[in-house]
Amino acid sequence: QVQLVESGGGMVQAGGSLRLSCAASRNIFSTYAMSWYRQAPGKQRELVATISSGGSTNYADSVKGRFTISRDNAKNTVYLQMNSLKPEDTAVYYCHARQISSGYEYWGQGTQVTVSS
């Protein structure tokens, strides 16, 4: 079992920055891909960014060049640095972990990000 706890959400004006954190209850990064998803009101949950167990990263087109996913293995923590925020980035952001070999996956509880214009 893995617990994921997000933090760092809040309210910011357009053009501002936030950094989200996701703390895992144990060291899983060597075998789990870590991702950030988001879900805006009335919309489906969408993938924002992923960092693989090997460290490669991928981003949704809508956030490329503005968001950066990273991890600190010593702290069992994944980050999402969000710059140049737009009102359309407003959503609940969720941390997700998936073990490719087994298919096991875990979700965090979500953290609200609100960007005002």
C-alpha atoms as a PDB file:
ATOM      1  CA  GLN A   1       0.000   0.000   0.000  1.00  0.00           C
ATOM      2  CA  VAL A   2       1.167   3.509  -0.819  1.00  0.00           C
ATOM      3  CA  GLN A   3      -0.208   6.775   0.507  1.00  0.00           C
ATOM      4  CA  LEU A   4       0.206   9.935  -1.536  1.00  0.00           C
ATOM      5  CA  VAL A   5      -0.263  13.317   0.098  1.00  0.00           C
ATOM      6  CA  GLU A   6      -0.403  16.469  -2.025  1.00  0.00           C
ATOM      7  CA  SER A   7       0.236  19.995  -0.838  1.00  0.00           C
ATOM      8  CA  GLY A   8       0.971  23.413  -2.280  1.00  0.00           C
ATOM      9  CA  GLY A   9      -2.303  24.302  -3.923  1.00  0.00           C
ATOM     10  CA  GLY A  10      -3.921  27.679  -3.505  1.00  0.00           C
ATOM     11  CA  MET A  11      -5.124  30.773  -5.246  1.00  0.00           C
ATOM     12  CA  VAL A  12      -2.900  32.842  -7.524  1.00  0.00           C
ATOM     13  CA  GLN A  13      -3.324  35.535 -10.151  1.00  0.00           C
ATOM     14  CA  ALA A  14      -2.793  34.814 -13.818  1.00  0.00           C
ATOM     15  CA  GLY A  15       0.889  34.840 -14.657  1.00  0.00           C
ATOM     16  CA  GLY A  16       1.858  33.657 -11.209  1.00  0.00           C
ATOM     17  CA  SER A  17       3.506  30.461 -10.025  1.00  0.00           C
ATOM     18  CA  LEU A  18       2.800  27.596  -7.650  1.00  0.00           C
ATOM     19  CA  ARG A  19       4.691  24.471  -6.719  1.00  0.00           C
ATOM     20  CA  LEU A  20       2.756  21.338  -5.856  1.00  0.00           C
ATOM     21  CA  SER A  21       4.296  18.565  -3.789  1.00  0.00           C
ATOM     22  CA  CYS A  22       3.332  14.902  -3.518  1.00  0.00           C
ATOM     23  CA  ALA A  23       4.864  12.939  -0.668  1.00  0.00           C
ATOM     24  CA  ALA A  24       4.808   9.155  -0.956  1.00  0.00           C
ATOM     25  CA  SER A  25       4.694   7.004   2.160  1.00  0.00           C
ATOM     26  CA  ARG A  26       7.659   4.937   0.996  1.00  0.00           C
ATOM     27  CA  ASN A  27      10.345   4.908  -1.660  1.00  0.00           C
ATOM     28  CA  ILE A  28       8.628   3.797  -4.863  1.00  0.00           C
ATOM     29  CA  PHE A  29      10.208   5.912  -7.564  1.00  0.00           C
ATOM     30  CA  SER A  30      12.499   3.169  -8.845  1.00  0.00           C
ATOM     31  CA  THR A  31       9.516   1.086  -9.964  1.00  0.00           C
ATOM     32  CA  TYR A  32       6.616   3.537 -10.248  1.00  0.00           C
ATOM     33  CA  ALA A  33       5.791   6.159 -12.818  1.00  0.00           C
ATOM     34  CA  MET A  34       4.584   9.298 -11.073  1.00  0.00           C
ATOM     35  CA  SER A  35       2.077  11.634 -12.654  1.00  0.00           C
ATOM     36  CA  TRP A  36       0.027  14.722 -12.013  1.00  0.00           C
ATOM     37  CA  TYR A  37      -3.549  14.815 -13.256  1.00  0.00           C
ATOM     38  CA  ARG A  38      -6.098  17.594 -12.989  1.00  0.00           C
ATOM     39  CA  GLN A  39      -9.847  17.837 -13.097  1.00  0.00           C
ATOM     40  CA  ALA A  40     -11.727  21.056 -13.694  1.00  0.00           C
ATOM     41  CA  PRO A  41     -15.428  21.410 -12.817  1.00  0.00           C
ATOM     42  CA  GLY A  42     -17.587  19.621 -15.351  1.00  0.00           C
ATOM     43  CA  LYS A  43     -14.594  18.160 -17.179  1.00  0.00           C
ATOM     44  CA  GLN A  44     -12.869  14.814 -17.284  1.00  0.00           C
ATOM     45  CA  ARG A  45      -9.672  14.208 -15.389  1.00  0.00           C
ATOM     46  CA  GLU A  46      -6.698  14.814 -17.654  1.00  0.00           C
ATOM     47  CA  LEU A  47      -3.042  13.880 -17.536  1.00  0.00           C
ATOM     48  CA  VAL A  48      -0.772  16.876 -16.980  1.00  0.00           C
ATOM     49  CA  ALA A  49       2.733  15.462 -16.589  1.00  0.00           C
ATOM     50  CA  THR A  50       4.550  12.195 -15.966  1.00  0.00           C
ATOM     51  CA  ILE A  51       8.001  11.254 -14.755  1.00  0.00           C
ATOM     52  CA  SER A  52       8.949   7.646 -15.393  1.00  0.00           C
ATOM     53  CA  SER A  53      10.883   5.399 -13.053  1.00  0.00           C
ATOM     54  CA  GLY A  54      13.882   6.102 -15.277  1.00  0.00           C
ATOM     55  CA  GLY A  55      13.434   9.854 -14.976  1.00  0.00           C
ATOM     56  CA  SER A  56      12.071  10.732 -18.396  1.00  0.00           C
ATOM     57  CA  THR A  57       9.280  13.283 -18.486  1.00  0.00           C
ATOM     58  CA  ASN A  58       6.232  13.972 -20.615  1.00  0.00           C
ATOM     59  CA  TYR A  59       3.756  16.829 -20.615  1.00  0.00           C
ATOM     60  CA  ALA A  60       0.344  17.667 -21.953  1.00  0.00           C
ATOM     61  CA  ASP A  61       0.583  20.123 -24.832  1.00  0.00           C
ATOM     62  CA  SER A  62      -1.386  22.674 -22.826  1.00  0.00           C
ATOM     63  CA  VAL A  63       1.336  22.934 -20.150  1.00  0.00           C
ATOM     64  CA  LYS A  64       4.552  22.378 -22.125  1.00  0.00           C
ATOM     65  CA  GLY A  65       7.070  25.094 -21.437  1.00  0.00           C
ATOM     66  CA  ARG A  66       5.175  26.278 -18.341  1.00  0.00           C
ATOM     67  CA  PHE A  67       5.086  23.258 -15.988  1.00  0.00           C
ATOM     68  CA  THR A  68       7.964  21.083 -14.806  1.00  0.00           C
ATOM     69  CA  ILE A  69       7.675  17.733 -13.053  1.00  0.00           C
ATOM     70  CA  SER A  70      10.572  16.573 -10.899  1.00  0.00           C
ATOM     71  CA  ARG A  71      11.267  14.312  -7.965  1.00  0.00           C
ATOM     72  CA  ASP A  72      13.494  14.108  -4.909  1.00  0.00           C
ATOM     73  CA  ASN A  73      14.292  10.463  -4.242  1.00  0.00           C
ATOM     74  CA  ALA A  74      15.690  11.166  -0.788  1.00  0.00           C
ATOM     75  CA  LYS A  75      12.432  12.828   0.259  1.00  0.00           C
ATOM     76  CA  ASN A  76      10.089  10.440  -1.588  1.00  0.00           C
ATOM     77  CA  THR A  77       8.491  13.545  -3.061  1.00  0.00           C
ATOM     78  CA  VAL A  78       7.376  14.536  -6.544  1.00  0.00           C
ATOM     79  CA  TYR A  79       6.912  18.161  -7.499  1.00  0.00           C
ATOM     80  CA  LEU A  80       5.002  20.073 -10.126  1.00  0.00           C
ATOM     81  CA  GLN A  81       6.382  23.555 -10.700  1.00  0.00           C
ATOM     82  CA  MET A  82       3.721  25.630 -12.433  1.00  0.00           C
ATOM     83  CA  ASN A  83       4.710  28.946 -13.993  1.00  0.00           C
ATOM     84  CA  SER A  84       2.828  31.457 -16.132  1.00  0.00           C
ATOM     85  CA  LEU A  85      -0.441  30.152 -14.766  1.00  0.00           C
ATOM     86  CA  LYS A  86      -3.645  30.792 -16.676  1.00  0.00           C
ATOM     87  CA  PRO A  87      -7.268  30.778 -15.518  1.00  0.00           C
ATOM     88  CA  GLU A  88      -7.788  27.595 -17.529  1.00  0.00           C
ATOM     89  CA  ASP A  89      -5.275  25.850 -15.244  1.00  0.00           C
ATOM     90  CA  THR A  90      -7.852  26.077 -12.457  1.00  0.00           C
ATOM     91  CA  ALA A  91      -8.606  22.541 -11.286  1.00  0.00           C
ATOM     92  CA  VAL A  92      -8.102  20.002  -8.561  1.00  0.00           C
ATOM     93  CA  TYR A  93      -4.659  18.486  -9.087  1.00  0.00           C
ATOM     94  CA  TYR A  94      -4.078  14.846  -8.211  1.00  0.00           C
ATOM     95  CA  CYS A  95      -0.890  12.899  -7.700  1.00  0.00           C
ATOM     96  CA  HIS A  96      -0.854   9.396  -9.212  1.00  0.00           C
ATOM     97  CA  ALA A  97       1.533   6.473  -8.928  1.00  0.00           C
ATOM     98  CA  ARG A  98       1.521   3.421 -11.197  1.00  0.00           C
ATOM     99  CA  GLN A  99       3.745   0.405 -11.141  1.00  0.00           C
ATOM    100  CA  ILE A 100       4.167  -0.604 -14.770  1.00  0.00           C
ATOM    101  CA  SER A 101       4.969  -4.280 -14.071  1.00  0.00           C
ATOM    102  CA  SER A 102       1.995  -4.990 -11.812  1.00  0.00           C
ATOM    103  CA  GLY A 103      -0.505  -2.342 -12.776  1.00  0.00           C
ATOM    104  CA  TYR A 104      -0.916  -1.278  -9.145  1.00  0.00           C
ATOM    105  CA  GLU A 105      -1.891   2.355  -8.928  1.00  0.00           C
ATOM    106  CA  TYR A 106      -2.588   4.889  -6.201  1.00  0.00           C
ATOM    107  CA  TRP A 107      -4.120   8.355  -6.048  1.00  0.00           C
ATOM    108  CA  GLY A 108      -3.678  11.266  -3.714  1.00  0.00           C
ATOM    109  CA  GLN A 109      -6.604  13.194  -2.275  1.00  0.00           C
ATOM    110  CA  GLY A 110      -6.142  16.205  -4.558  1.00  0.00           C
ATOM    111  CA  THR A 111      -5.235  19.829  -4.029  1.00  0.00           C
ATOM    112  CA  GLN A 112      -7.153  22.806  -5.398  1.00  0.00           C
ATOM    113  CA  VAL A 113      -5.453  25.304  -7.697  1.00  0.00           C
ATOM    114  CA  THR A 114      -7.372  28.447  -8.573  1.00  0.00           C
ATOM    115  CA  VAL A 115      -6.022  31.012 -11.037  1.00  0.00           C
ATOM    116  CA  SER A 116      -7.823  34.331 -11.198  1.00  0.00           C
ATOM    117  CA  SER A 117      -7.748  36.626 -14.205  1.00  0.00           C
END
